Amino acid sequence: MLESGETRTVVCPTCRGDSVYAPSNPYRPFCSERCKQIDIGAWASETFAVPVTAAPDDAPFGDPRNN
């Protein structure tokens, strides 16, 4: 555990730099607004995506979970 007054530092998921993980950093876990915006942009442009294992809805019998 962290001692009182210690600051936790994590790796920024965008630039891999150090990022303060505390309420004083409004962009956490990112180190800056820029890194946060780059990340949200990647999700919006579908550069990042959650993998899908189900068949697409336009498959011959559709999604088997819906049958």
PDB file of N, CA and C in Angstrom:
ATOM      1  N   MET A   1       0.838  -1.182   0.000  1.00  0.00           N
ATOM      2  CA  MET A   1       0.000   0.000   0.000  1.00  0.00           C
ATOM      3  C   MET A   1       0.884   1.247   0.000  1.00  0.00           C
ATOM      4  N   LEU A   2       0.302   2.311  -0.476  1.00  0.00           N
ATOM      5  CA  LEU A   2       1.022   3.583  -0.485  1.00  0.00           C
ATOM      6  C   LEU A   2       0.935   4.236   0.884  1.00  0.00           C
ATOM      7  N   GLU A   3       2.019   4.805   1.283  1.00  0.00           N
ATOM      8  CA  GLU A   3       2.038   5.568   2.525  1.00  0.00           C
ATOM      9  C   GLU A   3       1.321   6.891   2.287  1.00  0.00           C
ATOM     10  N   SER A   4       0.809   7.489   3.307  1.00  0.00           N
ATOM     11  CA  SER A   4       0.131   8.775   3.200  1.00  0.00           C
ATOM     12  C   SER A   4       1.079   9.803   2.585  1.00  0.00           C
ATOM     13  N   GLY A   5       0.605  10.497   1.555  1.00  0.00           N
ATOM     14  CA  GLY A   5       1.406  11.516   0.906  1.00  0.00           C
ATOM     15  C   GLY A   5       2.201  11.019  -0.289  1.00  0.00           C
ATOM     16  N   GLU A   6       2.282   9.677  -0.486  1.00  0.00           N
ATOM     17  CA  GLU A   6       2.994   9.145  -1.645  1.00  0.00           C
ATOM     18  C   GLU A   6       2.112   9.264  -2.883  1.00  0.00           C
ATOM     19  N   THR A   7       2.744   9.448  -4.017  1.00  0.00           N
ATOM     20  CA  THR A   7       2.040   9.572  -5.286  1.00  0.00           C
ATOM     21  C   THR A   7       2.244   8.300  -6.087  1.00  0.00           C
ATOM     22  N   ARG A   8       1.157   7.765  -6.605  1.00  0.00           N
ATOM     23  CA  ARG A   8       1.242   6.574  -7.444  1.00  0.00           C
ATOM     24  C   ARG A   8       1.474   7.017  -8.888  1.00  0.00           C
ATOM     25  N   THR A   9       2.436   6.398  -9.527  1.00  0.00           N
ATOM     26  CA  THR A   9       2.745   6.698 -10.918  1.00  0.00           C
ATOM     27  C   THR A   9       2.480   5.451 -11.752  1.00  0.00           C
ATOM     28  N   VAL A  10       1.791   5.637 -12.880  1.00  0.00           N
ATOM     29  CA  VAL A  10       1.510   4.545 -13.806  1.00  0.00           C
ATOM     30  C   VAL A  10       2.044   4.922 -15.185  1.00  0.00           C
ATOM     31  N   VAL A  11       2.033   3.974 -16.093  1.00  0.00           N
ATOM     32  CA  VAL A  11       2.477   4.225 -17.458  1.00  0.00           C
ATOM     33  C   VAL A  11       1.286   4.732 -18.275  1.00  0.00           C
ATOM     34  N   CYS A  12       1.473   5.846 -18.953  1.00  0.00           N
ATOM     35  CA  CYS A  12       0.432   6.403 -19.812  1.00  0.00           C
ATOM     36  C   CYS A  12       0.199   5.414 -20.952  1.00  0.00           C
ATOM     37  N   PRO A  13      -1.063   4.995 -21.184  1.00  0.00           N
ATOM     38  CA  PRO A  13      -1.329   4.016 -22.237  1.00  0.00           C
ATOM     39  C   PRO A  13      -1.043   4.533 -23.647  1.00  0.00           C
ATOM     40  N   THR A  14      -0.948   5.830 -23.838  1.00  0.00           N
ATOM     41  CA  THR A  14      -0.726   6.382 -25.173  1.00  0.00           C
ATOM     42  C   THR A  14       0.750   6.597 -25.473  1.00  0.00           C
ATOM     43  N   CYS A  15       1.444   7.356 -24.628  1.00  0.00           N
ATOM     44  CA  CYS A  15       2.843   7.703 -24.917  1.00  0.00           C
ATOM     45  C   CYS A  15       3.847   6.879 -24.132  1.00  0.00           C
ATOM     46  N   ARG A  16       3.363   6.057 -23.209  1.00  0.00           N
ATOM     47  CA  ARG A  16       4.207   5.197 -22.370  1.00  0.00           C
ATOM     48  C   ARG A  16       5.069   5.983 -21.388  1.00  0.00           C
ATOM     49  N   GLY A  17       4.772   7.256 -21.197  1.00  0.00           N
ATOM     50  CA  GLY A  17       5.488   8.061 -20.213  1.00  0.00           C
ATOM     51  C   GLY A  17       4.874   7.882 -18.832  1.00  0.00           C
ATOM     52  N   ASP A  18       5.471   8.524 -17.837  1.00  0.00           N
ATOM     53  CA  ASP A  18       4.949   8.466 -16.478  1.00  0.00           C
ATOM     54  C   ASP A  18       3.695   9.325 -16.358  1.00  0.00           C
ATOM     55  N   SER A  19       2.728   8.830 -15.607  1.00  0.00           N
ATOM     56  CA  SER A  19       1.488   9.556 -15.372  1.00  0.00           C
ATOM     57  C   SER A  19       1.107   9.430 -13.907  1.00  0.00           C
ATOM     58  N   VAL A  20       0.783  10.538 -13.277  1.00  0.00           N
ATOM     59  CA  VAL A  20       0.361  10.533 -11.881  1.00  0.00           C
ATOM     60  C   VAL A  20      -1.066  10.009 -11.817  1.00  0.00           C
ATOM     61  N   TYR A  21      -1.276   8.941 -11.042  1.00  0.00           N
ATOM     62  CA  TYR A  21      -2.604   8.358 -10.900  1.00  0.00           C
ATOM     63  C   TYR A  21      -3.179   8.826  -9.567  1.00  0.00           C
ATOM     64  N   ALA A  22      -3.770  10.014  -9.619  1.00  0.00           N
ATOM     65  CA  ALA A  22      -4.333  10.628  -8.418  1.00  0.00           C
ATOM     66  C   ALA A  22      -5.422  11.603  -8.844  1.00  0.00           C
ATOM     67  N   PRO A  23      -6.314  11.961  -7.936  1.00  0.00           N
ATOM     68  CA  PRO A  23      -7.370  12.926  -8.270  1.00  0.00           C
ATOM     69  C   PRO A  23      -6.835  14.257  -8.794  1.00  0.00           C
ATOM     70  N   SER A  24      -5.589  14.562  -8.515  1.00  0.00           N
ATOM     71  CA  SER A  24      -5.001  15.818  -9.007  1.00  0.00           C
ATOM     72  C   SER A  24      -4.741  15.787 -10.518  1.00  0.00           C
ATOM     73  N   ASN A  25      -4.791  14.597 -11.139  1.00  0.00           N
ATOM     74  CA  ASN A  25      -4.595  14.461 -12.581  1.00  0.00           C
ATOM     75  C   ASN A  25      -5.960  14.172 -13.220  1.00  0.00           C
ATOM     76  N   PRO A  26      -6.594  15.183 -13.813  1.00  0.00           N
ATOM     77  CA  PRO A  26      -7.933  14.979 -14.380  1.00  0.00           C
ATOM     78  C   PRO A  26      -7.945  14.078 -15.611  1.00  0.00           C
ATOM     79  N   TYR A  27      -6.775  13.740 -16.142  1.00  0.00           N
ATOM     80  CA  TYR A  27      -6.698  12.919 -17.354  1.00  0.00           C
ATOM     81  C   TYR A  27      -6.316  11.472 -17.065  1.00  0.00           C
ATOM     82  N   ARG A  28      -6.197  11.100 -15.798  1.00  0.00           N
ATOM     83  CA  ARG A  28      -5.730   9.762 -15.457  1.00  0.00           C
ATOM     84  C   ARG A  28      -6.565   8.683 -16.113  1.00  0.00           C
ATOM     85  N   PRO A  29      -6.003   7.637 -16.613  1.00  0.00           N
ATOM     86  CA  PRO A  29      -4.626   7.183 -16.468  1.00  0.00           C
ATOM     87  C   PRO A  29      -3.663   7.810 -17.471  1.00  0.00           C
ATOM     88  N   PHE A  30      -4.142   8.758 -18.267  1.00  0.00           N
ATOM     89  CA  PHE A  30      -3.283   9.414 -19.252  1.00  0.00           C
ATOM     90  C   PHE A  30      -2.487  10.516 -18.573  1.00  0.00           C
ATOM     91  N   CYS A  31      -1.385  10.902 -19.213  1.00  0.00           N
ATOM     92  CA  CYS A  31      -0.530  11.929 -18.613  1.00  0.00           C
ATOM     93  C   CYS A  31      -0.980  13.338 -18.980  1.00  0.00           C
ATOM     94  N   SER A  32      -1.781  13.468 -20.057  1.00  0.00           N
ATOM     95  CA  SER A  32      -2.173  14.798 -20.506  1.00  0.00           C
ATOM     96  C   SER A  32      -3.477  14.726 -21.297  1.00  0.00           C
ATOM     97  N   GLU A  33      -4.057  15.890 -21.548  1.00  0.00           N
ATOM     98  CA  GLU A  33      -5.267  15.950 -22.367  1.00  0.00           C
ATOM     99  C   GLU A  33      -4.969  15.439 -23.778  1.00  0.00           C
ATOM    100  N   ARG A  34      -3.792  15.752 -24.291  1.00  0.00           N
ATOM    101  CA  ARG A  34      -3.417  15.309 -25.636  1.00  0.00           C
ATOM    102  C   ARG A  34      -3.458  13.788 -25.745  1.00  0.00           C
ATOM    103  N   CYS A  35      -2.850  13.089 -24.792  1.00  0.00           N
ATOM    104  CA  CYS A  35      -2.850  11.624 -24.827  1.00  0.00           C
ATOM    105  C   CYS A  35      -4.265  11.067 -24.694  1.00  0.00           C
ATOM    106  N   LYS A  36      -5.082  11.696 -23.872  1.00  0.00           N
ATOM    107  CA  LYS A  36      -6.470  11.250 -23.720  1.00  0.00           C
ATOM    108  C   LYS A  36      -7.231  11.430 -25.035  1.00  0.00           C
ATOM    109  N   GLN A  37      -7.017  12.550 -25.722  1.00  0.00           N
ATOM    110  CA  GLN A  37      -7.700  12.813 -26.991  1.00  0.00           C
ATOM    111  C   GLN A  37      -7.221  11.862 -28.090  1.00  0.00           C
ATOM    112  N   ILE A  38      -5.948  11.525 -28.105  1.00  0.00           N
ATOM    113  CA  ILE A  38      -5.429  10.560 -29.081  1.00  0.00           C
ATOM    114  C   ILE A  38      -6.125   9.213 -28.876  1.00  0.00           C
ATOM    115  N   ASP A  39      -6.267   8.801 -27.627  1.00  0.00           N
ATOM    116  CA  ASP A  39      -6.905   7.521 -27.324  1.00  0.00           C
ATOM    117  C   ASP A  39      -8.378   7.515 -27.740  1.00  0.00           C
ATOM    118  N   ILE A  40      -9.133   8.553 -27.395  1.00  0.00           N
ATOM    119  CA  ILE A  40     -10.551   8.594 -27.757  1.00  0.00           C
ATOM    120  C   ILE A  40     -10.706   8.671 -29.272  1.00  0.00           C
ATOM    121  N   GLY A  41      -9.776   9.339 -29.944  1.00  0.00           N
ATOM    122  CA  GLY A  41      -9.801   9.398 -31.403  1.00  0.00           C
ATOM    123  C   GLY A  41      -9.591   8.027 -32.030  1.00  0.00           C
ATOM    124  N   ALA A  42      -8.724   7.223 -31.432  1.00  0.00           N
ATOM    125  CA  ALA A  42      -8.482   5.873 -31.942  1.00  0.00           C
ATOM    126  C   ALA A  42      -9.728   5.000 -31.794  1.00  0.00           C
ATOM    127  N   TRP A  43     -10.446   5.154 -30.683  1.00  0.00           N
ATOM    128  CA  TRP A  43     -11.703   4.404 -30.511  1.00  0.00           C
ATOM    129  C   TRP A  43     -12.750   4.906 -31.504  1.00  0.00           C
ATOM    130  N   ALA A  44     -12.854   6.215 -31.683  1.00  0.00           N
ATOM    131  CA  ALA A  44     -13.871   6.789 -32.578  1.00  0.00           C
ATOM    132  C   ALA A  44     -13.634   6.404 -34.032  1.00  0.00           C
ATOM    133  N   SER A  45     -12.369   6.298 -34.433  1.00  0.00           N
ATOM    134  CA  SER A  45     -12.065   5.928 -35.818  1.00  0.00           C
ATOM    135  C   SER A  45     -11.998   4.410 -36.003  1.00  0.00           C
ATOM    136  N   GLU A  46     -12.289   3.683 -34.948  1.00  0.00           N
ATOM    137  CA  GLU A  46     -12.285   2.217 -34.928  1.00  0.00           C
ATOM    138  C   GLU A  46     -10.902   1.620 -35.156  1.00  0.00           C
ATOM    139  N   THR A  47      -9.845   2.396 -34.840  1.00  0.00           N
ATOM    140  CA  THR A  47      -8.500   1.844 -34.818  1.00  0.00           C
ATOM    141  C   THR A  47      -8.416   0.828 -33.683  1.00  0.00           C
ATOM    142  N   PHE A  48      -9.065   1.157 -32.559  1.00  0.00           N
ATOM    143  CA  PHE A  48      -9.221   0.228 -31.444  1.00  0.00           C
ATOM    144  C   PHE A  48     -10.623  -0.342 -31.552  1.00  0.00           C
ATOM    145  N   ALA A  49     -10.781  -1.614 -31.236  1.00  0.00           N
ATOM    146  CA  ALA A  49     -12.099  -2.231 -31.259  1.00  0.00           C
ATOM    147  C   ALA A  49     -12.101  -3.434 -30.326  1.00  0.00           C
ATOM    148  N   VAL A  50     -13.249  -3.737 -29.773  1.00  0.00           N
ATOM    149  CA  VAL A  50     -13.420  -4.916 -28.943  1.00  0.00           C
ATOM    150  C   VAL A  50     -13.615  -6.099 -29.891  1.00  0.00           C
ATOM    151  N   PRO A  51     -12.849  -7.172 -29.736  1.00  0.00           N
ATOM    152  CA  PRO A  51     -12.994  -8.308 -30.643  1.00  0.00           C
ATOM    153  C   PRO A  51     -14.380  -8.944 -30.537  1.00  0.00           C
ATOM    154  N   VAL A  52     -14.897  -9.377 -31.668  1.00  0.00           N
ATOM    155  CA  VAL A  52     -16.217  -9.996 -31.727  1.00  0.00           C
ATOM    156  C   VAL A  52     -16.053 -11.438 -32.184  1.00  0.00           C
ATOM    157  N   THR A  53     -16.688 -12.366 -31.468  1.00  0.00           N
ATOM    158  CA  THR A  53     -16.588 -13.771 -31.830  1.00  0.00           C
ATOM    159  C   THR A  53     -17.860 -14.284 -32.500  1.00  0.00           C
ATOM    160  N   ALA A  54     -18.933 -13.530 -32.459  1.00  0.00           N
ATOM    161  CA  ALA A  54     -20.202 -13.967 -33.041  1.00  0.00           C
ATOM    162  C   ALA A  54     -20.212 -13.714 -34.545  1.00  0.00           C
ATOM    163  N   ALA A  55     -21.027 -14.482 -35.223  1.00  0.00           N
ATOM    164  CA  ALA A  55     -21.190 -14.288 -36.665  1.00  0.00           C
ATOM    165  C   ALA A  55     -21.887 -12.953 -36.918  1.00  0.00           C
ATOM    166  N   PRO A  56     -21.582 -12.293 -38.032  1.00  0.00           N
ATOM    167  CA  PRO A  56     -22.264 -11.030 -38.329  1.00  0.00           C
ATOM    168  C   PRO A  56     -23.750 -11.267 -38.606  1.00  0.00           C
ATOM    169  N   ASP A  57     -24.547 -10.236 -38.420  1.00  0.00           N
ATOM    170  CA  ASP A  57     -25.997 -10.340 -38.613  1.00  0.00           C
ATOM    171  C   ASP A  57     -26.372 -10.697 -40.044  1.00  0.00           C
ATOM    172  N   ASP A  58     -25.488 -10.425 -41.010  1.00  0.00           N
ATOM    173  CA  ASP A  58     -25.823 -10.730 -42.393  1.00  0.00           C
ATOM    174  C   ASP A  58     -25.349 -12.121 -42.828  1.00  0.00           C
ATOM    175  N   ALA A  59     -24.876 -12.939 -41.883  1.00  0.00           N
ATOM    176  CA  ALA A  59     -24.524 -14.328 -42.187  1.00  0.00           C
ATOM    177  C   ALA A  59     -25.802 -15.075 -42.574  1.00  0.00           C
ATOM    178  N   PRO A  60     -25.679 -16.209 -43.263  1.00  0.00           N
ATOM    179  CA  PRO A  60     -26.880 -16.909 -43.747  1.00  0.00           C
ATOM    180  C   PRO A  60     -27.958 -17.133 -42.684  1.00  0.00           C
ATOM    181  N   PHE A  61     -27.573 -17.412 -41.447  1.00  0.00           N
ATOM    182  CA  PHE A  61     -28.567 -17.660 -40.410  1.00  0.00           C
ATOM    183  C   PHE A  61     -28.530 -16.614 -39.314  1.00  0.00           C
ATOM    184  N   GLY A  62     -27.817 -15.516 -39.541  1.00  0.00           N
ATOM    185  CA  GLY A  62     -27.748 -14.440 -38.563  1.00  0.00           C
ATOM    186  C   GLY A  62     -26.909 -14.824 -37.362  1.00  0.00           C
ATOM    187  N   ASP A  63     -26.996 -14.053 -36.336  1.00  0.00           N
ATOM    188  CA  ASP A  63     -26.265 -14.275 -35.101  1.00  0.00           C
ATOM    189  C   ASP A  63     -26.928 -15.440 -34.364  1.00  0.00           C
ATOM    190  N   PRO A  64     -26.181 -16.532 -34.080  1.00  0.00           N
ATOM    191  CA  PRO A  64     -26.787 -17.688 -33.423  1.00  0.00           C
ATOM    192  C   PRO A  64     -27.315 -17.378 -32.026  1.00  0.00           C
ATOM    193  N   ARG A  65     -26.821 -16.325 -31.412  1.00  0.00           N
ATOM    194  CA  ARG A  65     -27.333 -15.963 -30.082  1.00  0.00           C
ATOM    195  C   ARG A  65     -28.734 -15.397 -30.149  1.00  0.00           C
ATOM    196  N   ASN A  66     -29.143 -14.929 -31.326  1.00  0.00           N
ATOM    197  CA  ASN A  66     -30.486 -14.351 -31.491  1.00  0.00           C
ATOM    198  C   ASN A  66     -31.515 -15.363 -31.946  1.00  0.00           C
ATOM    199  N   ASN A  67     -31.095 -16.588 -32.256  1.00  0.00           N
ATOM    200  CA  ASN A  67     -32.036 -17.624 -32.730  1.00  0.00           C
ATOM    201  C   ASN A  67     -32.585 -18.431 -31.591  1.00  0.00           C
TER     202      ASN A  67
END
